[in-house]
C-alpha cells in the first residue's frame, strides 16, 4: 500500500466531557504533522508502512486546552495597514540577514 488516496484521508476528533479529553485519529498528512508538532511522536500511536519514515496514520489524545476553534475569516486590511505590515516584514528580513551574515563570518 502506498498511503491513502485523497478520498480516504480523514481526521476525526471526539470529545469526552467526563475526562475532558479529545481522542483523535488522522491519516491526513498535514494534520499528522500539526499533531506531532504539538504532542511529539512519543505521545501518539503511529502506524507505519514498509519503507516509510513518517507515520501513515496516528491515534492520539489531547487535553481540552490543546484544541481550539476559530472562525477562519480573513481580516481585511486597509492599504495603510498593509504598508505597515510590509515595512515590518522588510525590517525583520534585514535583521535576519544581518544575523546570518554575522554567523557566517
N, C-alpha and C. Protein backbone atom coordinates (compact mmCIF):
# COMPACT_ATOMS: atom_id res chain seq x y z
N UNK A 1 0.83 -1.18 0.00
CA UNK A 1 0.00 0.00 0.00
C UNK A 1 0.88 1.25 0.00
N UNK A 2 0.52 2.24 -0.76
CA UNK A 2 1.30 3.47 -0.84
C UNK A 2 0.53 4.63 -0.22
N UNK A 3 0.20 4.52 1.04
CA UNK A 3 -0.56 5.57 1.69
C UNK A 3 -2.03 5.48 1.34
N UNK A 4 -2.73 6.53 1.67
CA UNK A 4 -4.17 6.59 1.38
C UNK A 4 -4.41 7.47 0.18
N UNK A 5 -5.44 7.14 -0.60
CA UNK A 5 -5.84 8.04 -1.67
C UNK A 5 -6.58 9.22 -1.05
N UNK A 6 -6.60 10.33 -1.73
CA UNK A 6 -7.16 11.57 -1.17
C UNK A 6 -8.58 11.38 -0.63
N UNK A 7 -9.40 10.62 -1.32
CA UNK A 7 -10.78 10.41 -0.88
C UNK A 7 -10.88 9.66 0.44
N UNK A 8 -9.83 8.92 0.80
CA UNK A 8 -9.84 8.15 2.04
C UNK A 8 -9.19 8.88 3.21
N UNK A 9 -8.51 9.99 2.94
CA UNK A 9 -7.83 10.72 4.01
C UNK A 9 -8.84 11.42 4.90
N UNK A 10 -8.62 11.32 6.22
CA UNK A 10 -9.55 11.95 7.15
C UNK A 10 -8.86 12.22 8.48
N UNK A 11 -9.49 13.09 9.24
CA UNK A 11 -9.11 13.34 10.63
C UNK A 11 -10.40 13.41 11.42
N UNK A 12 -10.44 12.69 12.53
CA UNK A 12 -11.63 12.72 13.38
C UNK A 12 -11.22 13.07 14.80
N UNK A 13 -12.08 13.82 15.48
CA UNK A 13 -11.88 14.17 16.88
C UNK A 13 -13.18 13.89 17.62
N UNK A 14 -13.06 13.28 18.79
CA UNK A 14 -14.22 13.02 19.64
C UNK A 14 -13.89 13.56 21.02
N UNK A 15 -14.79 14.40 21.55
CA UNK A 15 -14.58 14.97 22.87
C UNK A 15 -15.34 14.17 23.91
N UNK A 16 -14.64 13.80 24.99
CA UNK A 16 -15.25 13.10 26.11
C UNK A 16 -15.33 14.06 27.29
N UNK A 17 -16.54 14.53 27.59
CA UNK A 17 -16.74 15.53 28.64
C UNK A 17 -16.32 15.02 30.02
N UNK A 18 -16.55 13.75 30.28
CA UNK A 18 -16.24 13.18 31.59
C UNK A 18 -14.76 13.28 31.91
N UNK A 19 -13.91 13.04 30.90
CA UNK A 19 -12.47 13.07 31.11
C UNK A 19 -11.82 14.38 30.65
N UNK A 20 -12.59 15.22 29.93
CA UNK A 20 -12.10 16.48 29.38
C UNK A 20 -10.94 16.23 28.41
N UNK A 21 -11.07 15.16 27.63
CA UNK A 21 -10.03 14.74 26.69
C UNK A 21 -10.61 14.63 25.29
N UNK A 22 -9.82 15.05 24.30
CA UNK A 22 -10.15 14.84 22.89
C UNK A 22 -9.41 13.59 22.43
N UNK A 23 -10.12 12.65 21.81
CA UNK A 23 -9.48 11.47 21.22
C UNK A 23 -9.53 11.65 19.72
N UNK A 24 -8.41 11.39 19.06
CA UNK A 24 -8.35 11.65 17.64
C UNK A 24 -7.67 10.57 16.83
N UNK A 25 -7.94 10.63 15.54
CA UNK A 25 -7.33 9.74 14.56
C UNK A 25 -7.10 10.57 13.31
N UNK A 26 -5.97 10.38 12.65
CA UNK A 26 -5.74 11.07 11.38
C UNK A 26 -4.88 10.24 10.45
N UNK A 27 -5.26 10.27 9.19
CA UNK A 27 -4.42 9.71 8.12
C UNK A 27 -4.22 10.78 7.05
N UNK A 28 -4.40 12.06 7.43
CA UNK A 28 -4.23 13.20 6.54
C UNK A 28 -2.89 13.85 6.89
N UNK A 29 -1.87 13.74 6.02
CA UNK A 29 -0.51 14.17 6.37
C UNK A 29 -0.37 15.56 6.97
N UNK A 30 -1.03 16.62 6.45
CA UNK A 30 -0.87 17.93 7.11
C UNK A 30 -1.36 17.94 8.56
N UNK A 31 -2.43 17.20 8.86
CA UNK A 31 -2.92 17.15 10.23
C UNK A 31 -2.00 16.31 11.10
N UNK A 32 -1.46 15.24 10.55
CA UNK A 32 -0.49 14.42 11.30
C UNK A 32 0.69 15.29 11.72
N UNK A 33 1.19 16.09 10.79
CA UNK A 33 2.32 16.97 11.08
C UNK A 33 1.99 17.94 12.20
N UNK A 34 0.80 18.56 12.13
CA UNK A 34 0.40 19.52 13.17
C UNK A 34 0.29 18.85 14.53
N UNK A 35 -0.32 17.67 14.58
CA UNK A 35 -0.48 16.97 15.86
C UNK A 35 0.88 16.57 16.41
N UNK A 36 1.77 16.08 15.55
CA UNK A 36 3.09 15.68 16.02
C UNK A 36 3.88 16.86 16.55
N UNK A 37 3.70 18.06 15.98
CA UNK A 37 4.38 19.24 16.49
C UNK A 37 3.89 19.58 17.90
N UNK A 38 2.63 19.30 18.17
CA UNK A 38 2.06 19.59 19.49
C UNK A 38 2.41 18.50 20.50
N UNK A 39 2.22 17.25 20.11
CA UNK A 39 2.35 16.14 21.06
C UNK A 39 3.69 15.43 21.02
N UNK A 40 4.34 15.41 19.88
CA UNK A 40 5.57 14.64 19.72
C UNK A 40 5.26 13.19 19.36
N UNK A 41 6.16 12.55 18.70
CA UNK A 41 5.95 11.19 18.21
C UNK A 41 5.78 10.18 19.34
N UNK A 42 6.40 10.44 20.49
CA UNK A 42 6.31 9.51 21.62
C UNK A 42 4.93 9.49 22.27
N UNK A 43 4.10 10.49 21.98
CA UNK A 43 2.80 10.60 22.63
C UNK A 43 1.63 10.26 21.71
N UNK A 44 1.91 9.58 20.61
CA UNK A 44 0.85 9.13 19.71
C UNK A 44 1.07 7.66 19.39
N UNK A 45 0.01 7.02 18.95
CA UNK A 45 0.10 5.64 18.47
C UNK A 45 0.17 5.74 16.96
N UNK A 46 1.34 5.45 16.40
CA UNK A 46 1.57 5.65 14.96
C UNK A 46 1.60 4.33 14.21
N UNK A 47 1.02 4.34 13.02
CA UNK A 47 1.06 3.20 12.12
C UNK A 47 1.97 3.56 10.95
N UNK A 48 2.89 2.66 10.62
CA UNK A 48 3.85 2.91 9.55
C UNK A 48 3.63 1.95 8.40
N UNK A 49 4.15 2.33 7.27
CA UNK A 49 4.14 1.50 6.07
C UNK A 49 5.59 1.11 5.80
N UNK A 50 5.83 -0.09 5.29
CA UNK A 50 7.20 -0.52 4.99
C UNK A 50 7.90 0.50 4.10
N UNK A 51 9.11 0.88 4.52
CA UNK A 51 9.91 1.81 3.74
C UNK A 51 9.53 3.27 3.91
N UNK A 52 8.61 3.55 4.80
CA UNK A 52 8.15 4.93 5.00
C UNK A 52 8.62 5.42 6.37
N UNK A 53 9.23 6.60 6.42
CA UNK A 53 9.74 7.13 7.68
C UNK A 53 8.68 7.86 8.49
N UNK A 54 7.75 8.53 7.81
CA UNK A 54 6.71 9.26 8.52
C UNK A 54 5.49 8.37 8.72
N UNK A 55 4.71 8.63 9.77
CA UNK A 55 3.54 7.78 10.04
C UNK A 55 2.50 7.85 8.92
N UNK A 56 1.89 6.71 8.66
CA UNK A 56 0.80 6.63 7.70
C UNK A 56 -0.49 7.13 8.34
N UNK A 57 -0.64 6.83 9.64
CA UNK A 57 -1.79 7.32 10.41
C UNK A 57 -1.39 7.37 11.88
N UNK A 58 -2.17 8.14 12.65
CA UNK A 58 -1.91 8.24 14.08
C UNK A 58 -3.22 8.25 14.86
N UNK A 59 -3.15 7.73 16.09
CA UNK A 59 -4.22 7.85 17.07
C UNK A 59 -3.61 8.64 18.22
N UNK A 60 -4.41 9.53 18.81
CA UNK A 60 -3.84 10.41 19.83
C UNK A 60 -4.91 10.90 20.78
N UNK A 61 -4.46 11.43 21.91
CA UNK A 61 -5.33 12.09 22.88
C UNK A 61 -4.76 13.47 23.15
N UNK A 62 -5.65 14.45 23.27
CA UNK A 62 -5.23 15.81 23.55
C UNK A 62 -6.06 16.38 24.70
N UNK A 63 -5.43 17.21 25.50
CA UNK A 63 -6.15 17.91 26.56
C UNK A 63 -7.05 18.96 25.92
N UNK A 64 -8.08 19.35 26.63
CA UNK A 64 -9.04 20.32 26.10
C UNK A 64 -8.36 21.63 25.69
N UNK A 65 -7.34 22.06 26.42
CA UNK A 65 -6.68 23.33 26.09
C UNK A 65 -5.72 23.22 24.91
N UNK A 66 -5.58 22.03 24.33
CA UNK A 66 -4.72 21.86 23.16
C UNK A 66 -5.52 21.90 21.85
N UNK A 67 -6.83 22.03 21.96
CA UNK A 67 -7.70 22.09 20.79
C UNK A 67 -8.45 23.41 20.82
N UNK A 68 -8.48 24.09 19.68
CA UNK A 68 -9.22 25.35 19.62
C UNK A 68 -9.95 25.45 18.28
N UNK A 69 -10.95 26.30 18.27
CA UNK A 69 -11.73 26.53 17.06
C UNK A 69 -11.69 28.01 16.73
N UNK A 70 -11.55 28.32 15.46
CA UNK A 70 -11.55 29.71 15.01
C UNK A 70 -12.54 29.88 13.88
N UNK A 71 -12.97 31.11 13.67
CA UNK A 71 -13.92 31.39 12.61
C UNK A 71 -13.34 31.11 11.23
N UNK A 72 -12.07 31.34 11.05
CA UNK A 72 -11.43 31.13 9.77
C UNK A 72 -11.67 32.27 8.79
N UNK A 73 -12.12 33.40 9.31
CA UNK A 73 -12.34 34.55 8.46
C UNK A 73 -11.05 35.33 8.32
N UNK A 74 -10.81 35.81 7.11
CA UNK A 74 -9.64 36.64 6.89
C UNK A 74 -10.01 38.08 7.19
N UNK A 75 -9.13 38.73 7.91
CA UNK A 75 -9.35 40.13 8.27
C UNK A 75 -8.91 41.00 7.08
N UNK A 76 -9.78 41.89 6.69
CA UNK A 76 -9.43 42.82 5.62
C UNK A 76 -8.55 43.92 6.18
N UNK A 77 -7.45 44.20 5.49
CA UNK A 77 -6.53 45.24 5.93
C UNK A 77 -6.63 46.43 4.99
N UNK A 78 -6.53 47.62 5.56
CA UNK A 78 -6.51 48.83 4.75
C UNK A 78 -5.14 48.91 4.05
N UNK A 79 -5.05 49.77 3.06
CA UNK A 79 -3.76 49.96 2.37
C UNK A 79 -2.69 50.44 3.34
N UNK A 80 -3.07 51.28 4.27
CA UNK A 80 -2.12 51.78 5.27
C UNK A 80 -1.63 50.63 6.16
N UNK A 81 -2.54 49.75 6.60
CA UNK A 81 -2.16 48.61 7.42
C UNK A 81 -1.25 47.66 6.63
N UNK A 82 -1.55 47.46 5.36
CA UNK A 82 -0.71 46.60 4.52
C UNK A 82 0.70 47.15 4.40
N UNK A 83 0.81 48.47 4.25
CA UNK A 83 2.12 49.10 4.13
C UNK A 83 2.91 48.97 5.43
N UNK A 84 2.25 49.16 6.57
CA UNK A 84 2.91 49.00 7.87
C UNK A 84 3.40 47.55 8.01
N UNK A 85 2.58 46.59 7.63
CA UNK A 85 2.97 45.17 7.71
C UNK A 85 4.14 44.88 6.77
N UNK A 86 4.10 45.44 5.56
CA UNK A 86 5.17 45.22 4.59
C UNK A 86 6.49 45.75 5.14
N UNK A 87 6.47 46.96 5.70
CA UNK A 87 7.69 47.54 6.26
C UNK A 87 8.21 46.74 7.44
N UNK A 88 7.30 46.21 8.26
CA UNK A 88 7.69 45.37 9.39
C UNK A 88 8.41 44.11 8.89
N UNK A 89 7.88 43.51 7.82
CA UNK A 89 8.49 42.29 7.27
C UNK A 89 9.86 42.60 6.65
N UNK A 90 9.98 43.72 5.95
CA UNK A 90 11.27 44.12 5.37
C UNK A 90 12.31 44.28 6.48
N UNK A 91 11.91 44.96 7.54
CA UNK A 91 12.82 45.18 8.68
C UNK A 91 13.24 43.84 9.31
N UNK A 92 12.27 42.92 9.47
CA UNK A 92 12.57 41.61 10.04
C UNK A 92 13.54 40.83 9.15
N UNK A 93 13.30 40.84 7.83
CA UNK A 93 14.18 40.11 6.91
C UNK A 93 15.59 40.70 6.93
N UNK A 94 15.70 42.02 7.00
CA UNK A 94 17.02 42.65 7.07
C UNK A 94 17.75 42.26 8.35
N UNK A 95 17.03 42.23 9.46
CA UNK A 95 17.64 41.84 10.74
C UNK A 95 18.10 40.38 10.68
N UNK A 96 17.30 39.50 10.09
CA UNK A 96 17.68 38.09 9.97
C UNK A 96 18.89 37.93 9.05
N UNK A 97 18.96 38.71 7.99
CA UNK A 97 20.10 38.64 7.08
C UNK A 97 21.38 39.06 7.80
N UNK A 98 21.30 40.11 8.60
CA UNK A 98 22.46 40.57 9.36
C UNK A 98 22.92 39.48 10.33
N UNK A 99 21.97 38.81 11.01
CA UNK A 99 22.31 37.72 11.93
C UNK A 99 23.01 36.58 11.18
N UNK A 100 22.44 36.19 10.02
CA UNK A 100 23.04 35.10 9.23
C UNK A 100 24.43 35.47 8.76
N UNK A 101 24.61 36.70 8.28
CA UNK A 101 25.90 37.15 7.79
C UNK A 101 26.95 37.17 8.91
N UNK A 102 26.54 37.57 10.11
CA UNK A 102 27.48 37.61 11.23
C UNK A 102 27.87 36.21 11.68
N UNK A 103 26.97 35.24 11.54
CA UNK A 103 27.29 33.86 11.89
C UNK A 103 28.26 33.26 10.88
N UNK A 104 28.11 33.64 9.62
CA UNK A 104 28.96 33.09 8.55
C UNK A 104 30.38 33.61 8.63
N UNK A 105 30.60 34.79 9.26
CA UNK A 105 31.94 35.34 9.30
C UNK A 105 32.72 34.90 10.50
